[in-house]
Amino acid sequence: MSQAGVVRSLMPGIVAMAVVITASNILVGYPINNWLTWGHFSFPITFFIIDLINRRLGAERARKVAYVGFAVAVVLSFWLATPRIAAASGSAFIVGQLTNIGIFDRLRHKNWWHAPLISSSIASTVDTVIFYSIAFAGTGLPWVSWSIGDYAVKLISALFLILPYFVITKRLWANGPANSSPAV
């Protein structure tokens, strides 16, 4: 595939990541209660997106999407959210996504659900701890309960996104490249 083809194949993932991260960074500032903010419901989609890219295009390209999505989202978040949220988000996102990509890649040949579920669950732990300790520690806000609520939403989302992951990877990409078809 040519360089232009590679960029074209990665662009939807990059745009999706930047939109979801930026929206999540804005929405995290709007609490629902002492356990949840609106940002908790959008961010788990980033793990779903990167898992699809990792399965279809491989770990190297998934890392490229993570790096570029990270850069775009941090710039947008500094502009649209607070600098502290942007710094926390950028730090948590890149470490969490690289963790996710690495674990997914090691598990890609196991049963179809192992890689996305296990990698997203572990990466969610990493992301949650980093984000909340940087973004809200010392602010007087209920960040510990928010982090627990966020982690619970991420785990529930990982479970619920298994079915769409299966449908996309097994049904829609049935004739795609070697990376695309999960083991059953």
Protein backbone atom coordinates (compact mmCIF):
# COMPACT_ATOMS: atom_id res chain seq x y z
CA MET A 1 0.00 0.00 0.00
CA SER A 2 1.31 3.44 -0.91
CA GLN A 3 2.00 6.09 1.73
CA ALA A 4 -1.10 7.99 0.58
CA GLY A 5 -3.12 4.77 0.87
CA VAL A 6 -1.85 4.19 4.40
CA VAL A 7 -2.76 7.74 5.43
CA ARG A 8 -6.19 7.37 3.79
CA SER A 9 -6.81 4.08 5.62
CA LEU A 10 -5.87 5.63 8.99
CA MET A 11 -7.73 8.94 8.62
CA PRO A 12 -11.18 7.72 9.78
CA GLY A 13 -9.62 6.29 12.96
CA ILE A 14 -7.61 9.44 13.62
CA VAL A 15 -10.65 11.67 13.17
CA ALA A 16 -12.81 9.38 15.32
CA MET A 17 -10.21 9.35 18.10
CA ALA A 18 -9.77 13.13 18.06
CA VAL A 19 -13.54 13.74 18.14
CA VAL A 20 -14.22 11.23 20.94
CA ILE A 21 -11.30 12.38 23.11
CA THR A 22 -12.07 16.07 22.69
CA ALA A 23 -15.77 15.52 23.41
CA SER A 24 -14.91 13.41 26.47
CA ASN A 25 -12.56 16.12 27.78
CA ILE A 26 -15.33 18.69 27.52
CA LEU A 27 -18.03 16.37 28.88
CA VAL A 28 -15.97 15.32 31.92
CA GLY A 29 -16.61 18.83 33.24
CA TYR A 30 -20.34 18.12 33.45
CA PRO A 31 -21.11 15.86 36.41
CA ILE A 32 -24.29 13.80 36.49
CA ASN A 33 -23.82 12.96 40.17
CA ASN A 34 -20.95 12.16 42.56
CA TRP A 35 -20.14 8.98 40.59
CA LEU A 36 -20.49 9.94 36.95
CA THR A 37 -19.83 12.70 34.45
CA TRP A 38 -21.06 12.80 30.85
CA GLY A 39 -17.50 12.17 29.67
CA HIS A 40 -17.59 8.68 31.17
CA PHE A 41 -19.97 7.53 28.46
CA SER A 42 -18.03 8.70 25.42
CA PHE A 43 -14.42 7.84 26.25
CA PRO A 44 -14.70 4.00 26.24
CA ILE A 45 -15.37 4.22 22.51
CA THR A 46 -11.65 4.99 22.04
CA PHE A 47 -10.73 1.45 23.09
CA PHE A 48 -13.30 0.04 20.67
CA ILE A 49 -11.92 2.16 17.81
CA ILE A 50 -8.30 1.21 18.47
CA ASP A 51 -9.19 -2.48 18.85
CA LEU A 52 -10.89 -2.45 15.44
CA ILE A 53 -7.89 -0.74 13.87
CA ASN A 54 -5.48 -3.12 15.60
CA ARG A 55 -7.44 -6.14 14.36
CA ARG A 56 -7.81 -4.85 10.80
CA LEU A 57 -4.50 -3.07 10.21
CA GLY A 58 -2.15 -4.36 12.93
CA ALA A 59 -0.44 -2.93 15.99
CA GLU A 60 1.96 -0.63 14.13
CA ARG A 61 -0.84 1.24 12.40
CA ALA A 62 -2.96 1.26 15.56
CA ARG A 63 -0.05 2.99 17.32
CA LYS A 64 0.11 5.58 14.51
CA VAL A 65 -3.60 6.31 14.97
CA ALA A 66 -3.10 6.58 18.74
CA TYR A 67 -0.17 9.01 18.37
CA VAL A 68 -1.84 11.27 15.81
CA GLY A 69 -5.23 11.11 17.53
CA PHE A 70 -3.45 11.96 20.78
CA ALA A 71 -1.70 15.00 19.27
CA VAL A 72 -4.84 16.38 17.65
CA ALA A 73 -6.97 15.78 20.73
CA VAL A 74 -4.46 17.39 23.11
CA VAL A 75 -4.29 20.54 20.97
CA LEU A 76 -8.09 20.71 20.73
CA SER A 77 -8.49 19.95 24.43
CA PHE A 78 -6.11 22.74 25.48
CA TRP A 79 -8.27 25.06 23.44
CA LEU A 80 -11.74 23.68 24.39
CA ALA A 81 -11.22 22.23 27.88
CA THR A 82 -8.92 23.25 30.72
CA PRO A 83 -5.13 22.81 30.47
CA ARG A 84 -5.18 20.45 33.46
CA ILE A 85 -7.82 18.24 31.82
CA ALA A 86 -5.91 18.33 28.53
CA ALA A 87 -2.63 17.32 30.22
CA ALA A 88 -4.30 14.58 32.24
CA SER A 89 -6.16 13.30 29.22
CA GLY A 90 -3.12 13.29 26.98
CA SER A 91 -1.00 11.46 29.54
CA ALA A 92 -3.67 8.90 30.38
CA PHE A 93 -4.74 8.41 26.78
CA ILE A 94 -1.35 7.67 25.26
CA VAL A 95 -0.23 5.33 28.06
CA GLY A 96 -3.63 3.60 28.15
CA GLN A 97 -3.88 3.19 24.37
CA LEU A 98 -0.32 1.89 24.01
CA THR A 99 -1.06 -0.58 26.81
CA ASN A 100 -4.24 -1.61 25.03
CA ILE A 101 -2.48 -2.05 21.67
CA GLY A 102 0.35 -4.11 23.15
CA ILE A 103 -1.90 -6.46 25.10
CA PHE A 104 -4.33 -6.80 22.19
CA ASP A 105 -1.48 -7.68 19.84
CA ARG A 106 -0.23 -10.40 22.19
CA LEU A 107 -3.73 -11.87 22.47
CA ARG A 108 -4.88 -11.44 18.84
CA HIS A 109 -4.68 -15.18 18.04
CA LYS A 110 -6.68 -16.33 21.08
CA ASN A 111 -10.48 -16.66 21.09
CA TRP A 112 -12.01 -13.71 19.25
CA TRP A 113 -13.16 -11.93 22.43
CA HIS A 114 -9.97 -12.26 24.48
CA ALA A 115 -7.95 -9.50 22.82
CA PRO A 116 -10.56 -6.71 22.90
CA LEU A 117 -12.02 -7.53 26.31
CA ILE A 118 -8.79 -8.17 28.22
CA SER A 119 -6.78 -5.36 26.60
CA SER A 120 -9.58 -2.81 27.11
CA SER A 121 -10.08 -3.85 30.74
CA ILE A 122 -6.40 -3.55 31.66
CA ALA A 123 -5.90 -0.35 29.66
CA SER A 124 -9.00 1.14 31.30
CA THR A 125 -7.37 0.65 34.70
CA VAL A 126 -4.21 2.41 33.56
CA ASP A 127 -6.12 5.25 31.87
CA THR A 128 -8.43 5.83 34.85
CA VAL A 129 -5.67 5.95 37.47
CA ILE A 130 -3.51 8.35 35.43
CA PHE A 131 -6.34 10.64 34.30
CA TYR A 132 -8.07 11.15 37.64
CA SER A 133 -4.90 11.52 39.70
CA ILE A 134 -3.65 14.29 37.38
CA ALA A 135 -6.96 15.97 36.49
CA PHE A 136 -8.70 16.18 39.84
CA ALA A 137 -6.45 15.27 42.79
CA GLY A 138 -6.37 18.13 45.26
CA THR A 139 -9.30 19.99 43.68
CA GLY A 140 -11.92 19.17 46.31
CA LEU A 141 -14.08 17.54 43.65
CA PRO A 142 -15.29 13.95 44.20
CA TRP A 143 -12.59 12.54 41.92
CA VAL A 144 -12.22 9.18 43.69
CA SER A 145 -15.91 8.36 43.25
CA TRP A 146 -15.78 9.73 39.67
CA SER A 147 -12.83 7.45 38.94
CA ILE A 148 -14.73 4.44 40.30
CA GLY A 149 -17.79 5.36 38.24
CA ASP A 150 -15.62 5.93 35.17
CA TYR A 151 -13.89 2.57 35.56
CA ALA A 152 -17.23 0.80 35.98
CA VAL A 153 -18.60 2.44 32.82
CA LYS A 154 -15.44 1.46 30.90
CA LEU A 155 -15.76 -2.20 31.97
CA ILE A 156 -19.48 -2.30 31.16
CA SER A 157 -18.77 -0.64 27.81
CA ALA A 158 -16.08 -3.20 27.01
CA LEU A 159 -18.63 -5.95 27.61
CA PHE A 160 -21.37 -4.28 25.57
CA LEU A 161 -19.03 -3.42 22.69
CA ILE A 162 -18.02 -7.08 22.25
CA LEU A 163 -21.07 -7.79 20.07
CA PRO A 164 -20.50 -4.86 17.65
CA TYR A 165 -16.79 -5.78 17.60
CA PHE A 166 -17.67 -9.35 16.61
CA VAL A 167 -20.14 -8.26 13.94
CA ILE A 168 -17.70 -5.80 12.40
CA THR A 169 -14.65 -8.07 12.48
CA LYS A 170 -16.32 -11.36 11.64
CA ARG A 171 -19.10 -10.34 9.27
CA LEU A 172 -18.00 -7.13 7.57
CA TRP A 173 -14.29 -7.93 7.28
CA ALA A 174 -14.63 -11.63 6.45
CA ASN A 175 -12.57 -11.29 3.25
CA GLY A 176 -10.06 -8.73 4.54
CA PRO A 177 -6.33 -9.04 5.27
CA ALA A 178 -4.85 -11.58 7.70
CA ASN A 179 -5.09 -9.22 10.69
CA SER A 180 -8.81 -8.72 10.22
CA SER A 181 -10.38 -12.03 11.19
CA PRO A 182 -10.44 -12.94 14.88
CA ALA A 183 -9.89 -16.51 15.98
CA VAL A 184 -13.14 -18.25 16.89
